[in-house]
């Protein structure tokens, strides 16, 4: 997924898939939110590891 993790485009993508497969959007479903909910940089992730080691 892109930077928005499907928060902005997820509904649109589900609608496009439903139309292209001649199905109802409810049959297609929606993207499931997966971690991370917000994009994070590798630097932020490595800082978490350093904080855990310090504690």
Protein backbone atom coordinates (compact mmCIF):
# COMPACT_ATOMS: atom_id res chain seq x y z
CA UNK A 1 0.00 0.00 0.00
CA UNK A 2 1.00 3.60 -0.38
CA UNK A 3 1.72 6.22 2.24
CA UNK A 4 -1.90 6.46 3.38
CA UNK A 5 -2.04 2.68 4.05
CA UNK A 6 -5.41 2.56 2.27
CA UNK A 7 -7.10 5.07 4.54
CA UNK A 8 -7.96 7.39 1.64
CA UNK A 9 -8.05 5.09 -1.36
CA UNK A 10 -9.29 1.80 0.16
CA UNK A 11 -12.98 2.43 -0.52
CA UNK A 12 -12.26 3.58 -4.08
CA UNK A 13 -10.12 0.53 -4.81
CA UNK A 14 -12.82 -1.79 -3.46
CA UNK A 15 -15.36 -0.10 -5.74
CA UNK A 16 -13.10 -0.45 -8.79
CA UNK A 17 -12.52 -4.14 -8.02
CA UNK A 18 -16.25 -4.73 -7.57
CA UNK A 19 -17.06 -3.11 -10.91
CA UNK A 20 -14.30 -4.94 -12.78
CA UNK A 21 -15.51 -8.31 -11.43
CA UNK A 22 -19.24 -7.52 -11.78
CA UNK A 23 -19.77 -8.01 -8.08
CA UNK A 24 -21.34 -6.00 -5.28
CA UNK A 25 -18.90 -3.94 -3.26
CA UNK A 26 -20.08 -5.71 -0.11
CA UNK A 27 -18.98 -9.01 -1.67
CA UNK A 28 -15.51 -7.61 -2.35
CA UNK A 29 -15.08 -6.31 1.18
CA UNK A 30 -12.57 -3.72 2.28
CA UNK A 31 -8.88 -3.65 2.98
CA UNK A 32 -7.99 -4.66 6.48
CA UNK A 33 -5.98 -2.15 8.46
CA UNK A 34 -2.57 -3.55 9.20
CA UNK A 35 0.31 -2.25 11.23
CA UNK A 36 1.77 0.28 10.96
CA UNK A 37 -1.32 2.44 10.92
CA UNK A 38 0.89 5.39 10.03
CA UNK A 39 4.01 5.17 7.89
CA UNK A 40 7.20 5.24 9.93
CA UNK A 41 10.79 5.66 8.87
CA UNK A 42 13.51 3.14 9.54
CA UNK A 43 15.16 5.74 11.74
CA UNK A 44 12.06 5.88 13.96
CA UNK A 45 12.00 2.11 14.22
CA UNK A 46 15.69 1.89 15.12
CA UNK A 47 15.22 4.61 17.75
CA UNK A 48 12.58 2.45 19.43
CA UNK A 49 15.04 -0.43 19.64
CA UNK A 50 17.68 1.86 21.20
CA UNK A 51 15.17 3.15 23.77
CA UNK A 52 14.20 -0.40 24.78
CA UNK A 53 17.86 -1.34 25.28
CA UNK A 54 18.41 1.74 27.46
CA UNK A 55 15.51 0.88 29.75
